[in-house]
Amino acid sequence: MSLYKTILVAVDFSPAAEAVTARALELAARCDAGLELIHVVEYLPPLDIGYEPVTAPEWSVDEQVLIDNARQSLQTLAERHGVGSAPQHVELGPPRHVIVRVGEERGADLIVIGSHGRHGIGRLLGSTADGVLHHAPCDVLAVRIQS
């Protein structure tokens, strides 16, 4: 029996995503597990001085374009690592919540995510890895990213 059956690897397309993906692939091979990839598009419209969202005529970004670009980037990353046919998920929303939700929906028993190990104000603001670690119903591997 394999330790893990389904590994969900969360990537953000930073240079660190290569190391996170490589670590997840290594684990998937060792455990004979399936691998799935996820990228979450977190689009936050700009705020004016009164902290109100700026209206569409003043600022307009087509969210579908962001999602389509992310899908292409995720496919490219998957192909570069030899897993172009692995299930890929591109979602819109707060990454820590979406990653946990998709992990639950897909029956992942391990989520692999990068962690920058922030301290000070960066730690106070929270991190995606920390949010996933504390809310995922499965194991989470936080791959340390050296900055």
N, C-alpha and C. Protein backbone atom coordinates (compact mmCIF):
# COMPACT_ATOMS: atom_id res chain seq x y z
N MET A 1 0.84 -1.18 0.00
CA MET A 1 0.00 0.00 0.00
C MET A 1 0.88 1.24 0.00
N SER A 2 0.54 2.20 -0.82
CA SER A 2 1.32 3.42 -0.96
C SER A 2 1.01 4.40 0.17
N LEU A 3 2.03 5.11 0.58
CA LEU A 3 1.86 6.13 1.61
C LEU A 3 0.89 7.22 1.13
N TYR A 4 1.06 7.65 -0.12
CA TYR A 4 0.18 8.66 -0.71
C TYR A 4 -0.34 8.14 -2.04
N LYS A 5 -1.58 8.50 -2.35
CA LYS A 5 -2.19 8.10 -3.62
C LYS A 5 -2.35 9.28 -4.56
N THR A 6 -2.69 10.44 -3.99
CA THR A 6 -2.91 11.64 -4.81
C THR A 6 -2.16 12.81 -4.18
N ILE A 7 -1.25 13.37 -4.95
CA ILE A 7 -0.45 14.51 -4.48
C ILE A 7 -0.86 15.73 -5.30
N LEU A 8 -1.28 16.78 -4.59
CA LEU A 8 -1.64 18.05 -5.22
C LEU A 8 -0.49 19.01 -5.01
N VAL A 9 0.09 19.51 -6.08
CA VAL A 9 1.20 20.45 -5.95
C VAL A 9 0.74 21.84 -6.38
N ALA A 10 0.90 22.80 -5.45
CA ALA A 10 0.47 24.18 -5.69
C ALA A 10 1.67 24.98 -6.17
N VAL A 11 1.51 25.65 -7.31
CA VAL A 11 2.60 26.44 -7.88
C VAL A 11 2.15 27.87 -8.14
N ASP A 12 3.12 28.77 -8.07
CA ASP A 12 2.82 30.19 -8.28
C ASP A 12 3.58 30.81 -9.45
N PHE A 13 4.31 30.02 -10.20
CA PHE A 13 5.09 30.44 -11.38
C PHE A 13 6.31 31.28 -11.05
N SER A 14 6.66 31.40 -9.78
CA SER A 14 7.92 32.04 -9.43
C SER A 14 9.03 31.05 -9.74
N PRO A 15 10.29 31.47 -9.72
CA PRO A 15 11.38 30.51 -9.94
C PRO A 15 11.32 29.34 -8.95
N ALA A 16 10.78 29.56 -7.77
CA ALA A 16 10.68 28.51 -6.76
C ALA A 16 9.73 27.40 -7.18
N ALA A 17 8.81 27.67 -8.08
CA ALA A 17 7.84 26.66 -8.52
C ALA A 17 8.54 25.45 -9.13
N GLU A 18 9.69 25.66 -9.71
CA GLU A 18 10.44 24.55 -10.30
C GLU A 18 10.88 23.57 -9.22
N ALA A 19 11.41 24.10 -8.10
CA ALA A 19 11.87 23.25 -7.00
C ALA A 19 10.69 22.55 -6.33
N VAL A 20 9.59 23.25 -6.15
CA VAL A 20 8.40 22.67 -5.53
C VAL A 20 7.86 21.54 -6.40
N THR A 21 7.79 21.76 -7.70
CA THR A 21 7.30 20.74 -8.62
C THR A 21 8.23 19.53 -8.64
N ALA A 22 9.53 19.78 -8.66
CA ALA A 22 10.50 18.69 -8.67
C ALA A 22 10.37 17.83 -7.41
N ARG A 23 10.20 18.46 -6.26
CA ARG A 23 10.05 17.71 -5.01
C ARG A 23 8.77 16.87 -5.04
N ALA A 24 7.68 17.45 -5.54
CA ALA A 24 6.43 16.72 -5.63
C ALA A 24 6.55 15.53 -6.59
N LEU A 25 7.24 15.72 -7.69
CA LEU A 25 7.45 14.63 -8.65
C LEU A 25 8.26 13.50 -8.03
N GLU A 26 9.27 13.86 -7.27
CA GLU A 26 10.10 12.85 -6.59
C GLU A 26 9.25 12.02 -5.63
N LEU A 27 8.42 12.69 -4.85
CA LEU A 27 7.54 11.98 -3.92
C LEU A 27 6.52 11.11 -4.65
N ALA A 28 5.95 11.63 -5.72
CA ALA A 28 4.97 10.87 -6.48
C ALA A 28 5.60 9.60 -7.04
N ALA A 29 6.83 9.70 -7.53
CA ALA A 29 7.51 8.52 -8.06
C ALA A 29 7.80 7.51 -6.96
N ARG A 30 8.26 7.98 -5.81
CA ARG A 30 8.58 7.08 -4.69
C ARG A 30 7.34 6.39 -4.14
N CYS A 31 6.23 7.09 -4.16
CA CYS A 31 4.99 6.55 -3.58
C CYS A 31 4.07 5.92 -4.61
N ASP A 32 4.48 5.97 -5.88
CA ASP A 32 3.62 5.51 -6.97
C ASP A 32 2.25 6.19 -6.88
N ALA A 33 2.29 7.50 -6.69
CA ALA A 33 1.08 8.30 -6.50
C ALA A 33 0.76 9.11 -7.74
N GLY A 34 -0.50 9.46 -7.88
CA GLY A 34 -0.91 10.37 -8.93
C GLY A 34 -0.55 11.80 -8.54
N LEU A 35 -0.28 12.62 -9.53
CA LEU A 35 0.11 14.01 -9.29
C LEU A 35 -0.88 14.92 -9.99
N GLU A 36 -1.31 15.96 -9.29
CA GLU A 36 -2.16 16.99 -9.87
C GLU A 36 -1.54 18.34 -9.55
N LEU A 37 -1.71 19.29 -10.44
CA LEU A 37 -1.14 20.63 -10.28
C LEU A 37 -2.25 21.66 -10.12
N ILE A 38 -1.97 22.66 -9.29
CA ILE A 38 -2.94 23.75 -9.12
C ILE A 38 -2.21 25.08 -9.09
N HIS A 39 -2.83 26.06 -9.72
CA HIS A 39 -2.40 27.46 -9.61
C HIS A 39 -3.65 28.27 -9.32
N VAL A 40 -3.55 29.16 -8.35
CA VAL A 40 -4.69 30.00 -8.00
C VAL A 40 -4.38 31.43 -8.40
N VAL A 41 -5.26 31.99 -9.22
CA VAL A 41 -5.15 33.38 -9.63
C VAL A 41 -5.81 34.21 -8.54
N GLU A 42 -5.03 35.06 -7.93
CA GLU A 42 -5.57 35.93 -6.88
C GLU A 42 -5.57 37.35 -7.45
N TYR A 43 -6.72 37.74 -7.95
CA TYR A 43 -6.86 39.07 -8.53
C TYR A 43 -7.55 39.98 -7.53
N LEU A 44 -6.85 41.01 -7.14
CA LEU A 44 -7.42 41.99 -6.21
C LEU A 44 -7.51 43.33 -6.93
N PRO A 45 -8.73 43.82 -7.16
CA PRO A 45 -8.85 45.12 -7.83
C PRO A 45 -8.25 46.20 -6.94
N PRO A 46 -7.71 47.25 -7.57
CA PRO A 46 -7.11 48.33 -6.77
C PRO A 46 -8.16 49.04 -5.92
N LEU A 47 -7.71 49.60 -4.81
CA LEU A 47 -8.58 50.35 -3.92
C LEU A 47 -8.25 51.83 -4.01
N ASP A 48 -9.27 52.68 -3.84
CA ASP A 48 -8.99 54.10 -3.80
C ASP A 48 -8.60 54.48 -2.37
N ILE A 49 -8.38 55.75 -2.14
CA ILE A 49 -7.92 56.21 -0.83
C ILE A 49 -8.90 55.84 0.28
N GLY A 50 -10.18 55.78 -0.01
CA GLY A 50 -11.19 55.44 0.99
C GLY A 50 -11.37 53.94 1.13
N TYR A 51 -10.46 53.14 0.54
CA TYR A 51 -10.49 51.69 0.61
C TYR A 51 -11.73 51.09 -0.04
N GLU A 52 -12.23 51.75 -1.02
CA GLU A 52 -13.35 51.22 -1.79
C GLU A 52 -12.80 50.71 -3.12
N PRO A 53 -13.36 49.63 -3.65
CA PRO A 53 -12.90 49.16 -4.97
C PRO A 53 -13.09 50.24 -6.02
N VAL A 54 -12.13 50.35 -6.90
CA VAL A 54 -12.21 51.30 -8.00
C VAL A 54 -13.21 50.73 -9.01
N THR A 55 -14.07 51.57 -9.55
CA THR A 55 -15.11 51.10 -10.46
C THR A 55 -14.52 50.62 -11.78
N ALA A 56 -15.26 49.75 -12.44
CA ALA A 56 -14.79 49.11 -13.68
C ALA A 56 -14.34 50.09 -14.76
N PRO A 57 -15.05 51.21 -14.99
CA PRO A 57 -14.58 52.10 -16.04
C PRO A 57 -13.18 52.67 -15.75
N GLU A 58 -12.84 52.79 -14.46
CA GLU A 58 -11.54 53.33 -14.10
C GLU A 58 -10.44 52.28 -14.16
N TRP A 59 -10.79 51.02 -13.95
CA TRP A 59 -9.80 49.95 -13.92
C TRP A 59 -10.48 48.68 -14.42
N SER A 60 -9.96 48.14 -15.46
CA SER A 60 -10.61 46.95 -15.99
C SER A 60 -9.56 45.90 -16.37
N VAL A 61 -9.66 44.74 -15.75
CA VAL A 61 -8.83 43.61 -16.08
C VAL A 61 -9.77 42.44 -16.35
N ASP A 62 -9.58 41.81 -17.47
CA ASP A 62 -10.41 40.67 -17.81
C ASP A 62 -9.90 39.45 -17.05
N GLU A 63 -10.67 39.02 -16.06
CA GLU A 63 -10.26 37.88 -15.24
C GLU A 63 -10.07 36.63 -16.09
N GLN A 64 -10.86 36.49 -17.14
CA GLN A 64 -10.73 35.32 -17.99
C GLN A 64 -9.37 35.29 -18.68
N VAL A 65 -8.84 36.46 -19.02
CA VAL A 65 -7.50 36.52 -19.62
C VAL A 65 -6.47 36.06 -18.61
N LEU A 66 -6.61 36.48 -17.35
CA LEU A 66 -5.69 36.04 -16.31
C LEU A 66 -5.74 34.51 -16.15
N ILE A 67 -6.94 33.97 -16.16
CA ILE A 67 -7.11 32.53 -16.01
C ILE A 67 -6.53 31.78 -17.22
N ASP A 68 -6.81 32.27 -18.41
CA ASP A 68 -6.29 31.63 -19.62
C ASP A 68 -4.76 31.66 -19.64
N ASN A 69 -4.17 32.78 -19.26
CA ASN A 69 -2.71 32.88 -19.21
C ASN A 69 -2.14 31.91 -18.18
N ALA A 70 -2.81 31.80 -17.05
CA ALA A 70 -2.35 30.87 -16.01
C ALA A 70 -2.46 29.42 -16.49
N ARG A 71 -3.51 29.09 -17.21
CA ARG A 71 -3.65 27.73 -17.75
C ARG A 71 -2.48 27.40 -18.68
N GLN A 72 -2.14 28.35 -19.53
CA GLN A 72 -1.03 28.12 -20.47
C GLN A 72 0.29 27.97 -19.71
N SER A 73 0.51 28.81 -18.72
CA SER A 73 1.73 28.72 -17.92
C SER A 73 1.81 27.40 -17.16
N LEU A 74 0.67 26.94 -16.63
CA LEU A 74 0.65 25.69 -15.89
C LEU A 74 0.93 24.52 -16.83
N GLN A 75 0.36 24.56 -18.02
CA GLN A 75 0.62 23.50 -19.01
C GLN A 75 2.10 23.48 -19.39
N THR A 76 2.68 24.64 -19.58
CA THR A 76 4.10 24.74 -19.93
C THR A 76 4.97 24.17 -18.82
N LEU A 77 4.67 24.52 -17.58
CA LEU A 77 5.42 23.99 -16.44
C LEU A 77 5.29 22.47 -16.38
N ALA A 78 4.08 21.97 -16.55
CA ALA A 78 3.84 20.52 -16.51
C ALA A 78 4.62 19.80 -17.61
N GLU A 79 4.61 20.35 -18.79
CA GLU A 79 5.34 19.73 -19.91
C GLU A 79 6.84 19.75 -19.65
N ARG A 80 7.33 20.84 -19.08
CA ARG A 80 8.77 20.95 -18.77
C ARG A 80 9.21 19.86 -17.79
N HIS A 81 8.28 19.44 -16.93
CA HIS A 81 8.59 18.41 -15.94
C HIS A 81 8.12 17.02 -16.37
N GLY A 82 7.64 16.90 -17.60
CA GLY A 82 7.24 15.60 -18.12
C GLY A 82 5.91 15.08 -17.63
N VAL A 83 5.06 15.96 -17.13
CA VAL A 83 3.74 15.55 -16.64
C VAL A 83 2.63 16.38 -17.29
N GLY A 84 2.78 16.60 -18.59
CA GLY A 84 1.81 17.43 -19.31
C GLY A 84 0.40 16.89 -19.31
N SER A 85 0.25 15.57 -19.08
CA SER A 85 -1.09 15.00 -19.08
C SER A 85 -1.69 14.90 -17.67
N ALA A 86 -0.96 15.35 -16.66
CA ALA A 86 -1.47 15.32 -15.29
C ALA A 86 -2.65 16.29 -15.16
N PRO A 87 -3.63 15.97 -14.31
CA PRO A 87 -4.73 16.92 -14.10
C PRO A 87 -4.21 18.27 -13.62
N GLN A 88 -4.76 19.32 -14.20
CA GLN A 88 -4.33 20.68 -13.87
C GLN A 88 -5.55 21.51 -13.52
N HIS A 89 -5.39 22.30 -12.47
CA HIS A 89 -6.50 23.13 -11.98
C HIS A 89 -6.04 24.58 -11.92
N VAL A 90 -6.81 25.45 -12.53
CA VAL A 90 -6.58 26.89 -12.41
C VAL A 90 -7.87 27.47 -11.85
N GLU A 91 -7.75 28.14 -10.73
CA GLU A 91 -8.92 28.67 -10.03
C GLU A 91 -8.67 30.14 -9.69
N LEU A 92 -9.75 30.84 -9.43
CA LEU A 92 -9.70 32.25 -9.04
C LEU A 92 -10.15 32.36 -7.59
N GLY A 93 -9.39 33.07 -6.77
CA GLY A 93 -9.80 33.27 -5.39
C GLY A 93 -8.62 33.38 -4.45
N PRO A 94 -8.89 33.35 -3.15
CA PRO A 94 -7.80 33.41 -2.16
C PRO A 94 -7.06 32.06 -2.16
N PRO A 95 -5.77 32.05 -2.47
CA PRO A 95 -5.04 30.78 -2.64
C PRO A 95 -5.16 29.81 -1.49
N ARG A 96 -5.02 30.26 -0.25
CA ARG A 96 -5.03 29.30 0.85
C ARG A 96 -6.36 28.57 0.95
N HIS A 97 -7.46 29.23 0.67
CA HIS A 97 -8.77 28.59 0.74
C HIS A 97 -9.03 27.69 -0.47
N VAL A 98 -8.65 28.17 -1.63
CA VAL A 98 -8.90 27.42 -2.86
C VAL A 98 -8.06 26.14 -2.90
N ILE A 99 -6.81 26.22 -2.49
CA ILE A 99 -5.95 25.03 -2.49
C ILE A 99 -6.52 23.96 -1.57
N VAL A 100 -6.95 24.35 -0.39
CA VAL A 100 -7.54 23.40 0.56
C VAL A 100 -8.82 22.80 -0.03
N ARG A 101 -9.67 23.65 -0.61
CA ARG A 101 -10.93 23.16 -1.19
C ARG A 101 -10.68 22.16 -2.31
N VAL A 102 -9.79 22.50 -3.23
CA VAL A 102 -9.51 21.60 -4.34
C VAL A 102 -8.85 20.32 -3.84
N GLY A 103 -7.99 20.43 -2.85
CA GLY A 103 -7.39 19.24 -2.26
C GLY A 103 -8.46 18.30 -1.71
N GLU A 104 -9.43 18.86 -1.03
CA GLU A 104 -10.54 18.05 -0.49
C GLU A 104 -11.36 17.43 -1.63
N GLU A 105 -11.72 18.25 -2.62
CA GLU A 105 -12.53 17.76 -3.73
C GLU A 105 -11.84 16.64 -4.50
N ARG A 106 -10.54 16.74 -4.65
CA ARG A 106 -9.79 15.77 -5.45
C ARG A 106 -9.30 14.58 -4.63
N GLY A 107 -9.57 14.59 -3.34
CA GLY A 107 -9.15 13.48 -2.50
C GLY A 107 -7.65 13.41 -2.31
N ALA A 108 -6.99 14.56 -2.34
CA ALA A 108 -5.53 14.58 -2.15
C ALA A 108 -5.19 14.14 -0.73
N ASP A 109 -4.17 13.31 -0.61
CA ASP A 109 -3.71 12.95 0.72
C ASP A 109 -2.38 13.61 1.04
N LEU A 110 -1.87 14.42 0.10
CA LEU A 110 -0.69 15.25 0.34
C LEU A 110 -0.79 16.49 -0.54
N ILE A 111 -0.56 17.65 0.06
CA ILE A 111 -0.45 18.90 -0.69
C ILE A 111 0.99 19.36 -0.55
N VAL A 112 1.63 19.67 -1.67
CA VAL A 112 3.00 20.17 -1.67
C VAL A 112 2.95 21.63 -2.09
N ILE A 113 3.59 22.48 -1.29
CA ILE A 113 3.54 23.92 -1.51
C ILE A 113 4.87 24.53 -1.10
N GLY A 114 5.24 25.62 -1.71
CA GLY A 114 6.47 26.31 -1.34
C GLY A 114 6.26 27.20 -0.13
N SER A 115 7.33 27.38 0.64
CA SER A 115 7.27 28.27 1.81
C SER A 115 8.54 29.10 1.85
N HIS A 116 8.35 30.40 1.99
CA HIS A 116 9.49 31.32 2.04
C HIS A 116 9.99 31.54 3.46
N GLY A 117 9.28 31.02 4.45
CA GLY A 117 9.72 31.16 5.84
C GLY A 117 9.82 32.61 6.27
N ARG A 118 8.80 33.39 5.96
CA ARG A 118 8.83 34.82 6.28
C ARG A 118 8.76 35.06 7.78
N HIS A 119 9.32 36.17 8.19
CA HIS A 119 9.30 36.58 9.59
C HIS A 119 8.81 38.02 9.64
N GLY A 120 8.58 38.52 10.82
CA GLY A 120 8.20 39.92 10.99
C GLY A 120 6.86 40.23 10.36
N ILE A 121 6.80 41.35 9.64
CA ILE A 121 5.54 41.83 9.08
C ILE A 121 4.99 40.84 8.05
N GLY A 122 5.87 40.20 7.29
CA GLY A 122 5.40 39.20 6.33
C GLY A 122 4.69 38.06 7.02
N ARG A 123 5.14 37.69 8.19
CA ARG A 123 4.52 36.62 8.97
C ARG A 123 3.18 37.09 9.53
N LEU A 124 3.12 38.34 9.97
CA LEU A 124 1.88 38.87 10.51
C LEU A 124 0.78 38.91 9.45
N LEU A 125 1.16 39.19 8.23
CA LEU A 125 0.18 39.26 7.15
C LEU A 125 -0.29 37.87 6.74
N GLY A 126 0.43 36.85 7.15
CA GLY A 126 0.06 35.48 6.83
C GLY A 126 0.65 35.04 5.52
N SER A 127 0.64 33.75 5.32
CA SER A 127 1.16 33.21 4.07
C SER A 127 0.22 32.13 3.57
N THR A 128 0.30 31.87 2.30
CA THR A 128 -0.50 30.81 1.71
C THR A 128 -0.13 29.47 2.33
N ALA A 129 1.16 29.18 2.44
CA ALA A 129 1.60 27.89 2.99
C ALA A 129 1.08 27.70 4.41
N ASP A 130 1.13 28.74 5.22
CA ASP A 130 0.65 28.64 6.60
C ASP A 130 -0.85 28.37 6.63
N GLY A 131 -1.59 29.06 5.80
CA GLY A 131 -3.04 28.85 5.75
C GLY A 131 -3.40 27.44 5.30
N VAL A 132 -2.69 26.93 4.30
CA VAL A 132 -2.94 25.56 3.83
C VAL A 132 -2.57 24.57 4.93
N LEU A 133 -1.42 24.78 5.55
CA LEU A 133 -0.94 23.87 6.59
C LEU A 133 -1.96 23.72 7.73
N HIS A 134 -2.57 24.82 8.12
CA HIS A 134 -3.48 24.78 9.26
C HIS A 134 -4.91 24.40 8.92
N HIS A 135 -5.26 24.34 7.63
CA HIS A 135 -6.65 24.05 7.28
C HIS A 135 -6.83 22.82 6.40
N ALA A 136 -5.77 22.28 5.86
CA ALA A 136 -5.90 21.11 4.99
C ALA A 136 -6.26 19.87 5.80
N PRO A 137 -7.12 19.03 5.26
CA PRO A 137 -7.49 17.80 5.96
C PRO A 137 -6.49 16.66 5.73
N CYS A 138 -5.41 16.96 5.04
CA CYS A 138 -4.41 15.94 4.71
C CYS A 138 -3.02 16.45 5.07
N ASP A 139 -2.02 15.63 4.81
CA ASP A 139 -0.64 16.06 5.05
C ASP A 139 -0.27 17.21 4.11
N VAL A 140 0.61 18.06 4.59
CA VAL A 140 1.11 19.18 3.79
C VAL A 140 2.63 19.18 3.88
N LEU A 141 3.29 19.23 2.73
CA LEU A 141 4.74 19.36 2.70
C LEU A 141 5.04 20.78 2.24
N ALA A 142 5.66 21.55 3.12
CA ALA A 142 6.08 22.91 2.79
C ALA A 142 7.55 22.84 2.38
N VAL A 143 7.81 23.02 1.10
CA VAL A 143 9.17 22.98 0.57
C VAL A 143 9.81 24.33 0.84
N ARG A 144 10.89 24.34 1.62
CA ARG A 144 11.57 25.59 1.99
C ARG A 144 12.20 26.22 0.75
N ILE A 145 11.86 27.46 0.51
CA ILE A 145 12.40 28.22 -0.62
C ILE A 145 13.46 29.17 -0.08
N GLN A 146 14.66 29.03 -0.59
CA GLN A 146 15.75 29.92 -0.17
C GLN A 146 15.71 31.19 -1.01
N SER A 147 15.60 32.33 -0.34
CA SER A 147 15.52 33.61 -1.06
C SER A 147 16.87 34.22 -1.23
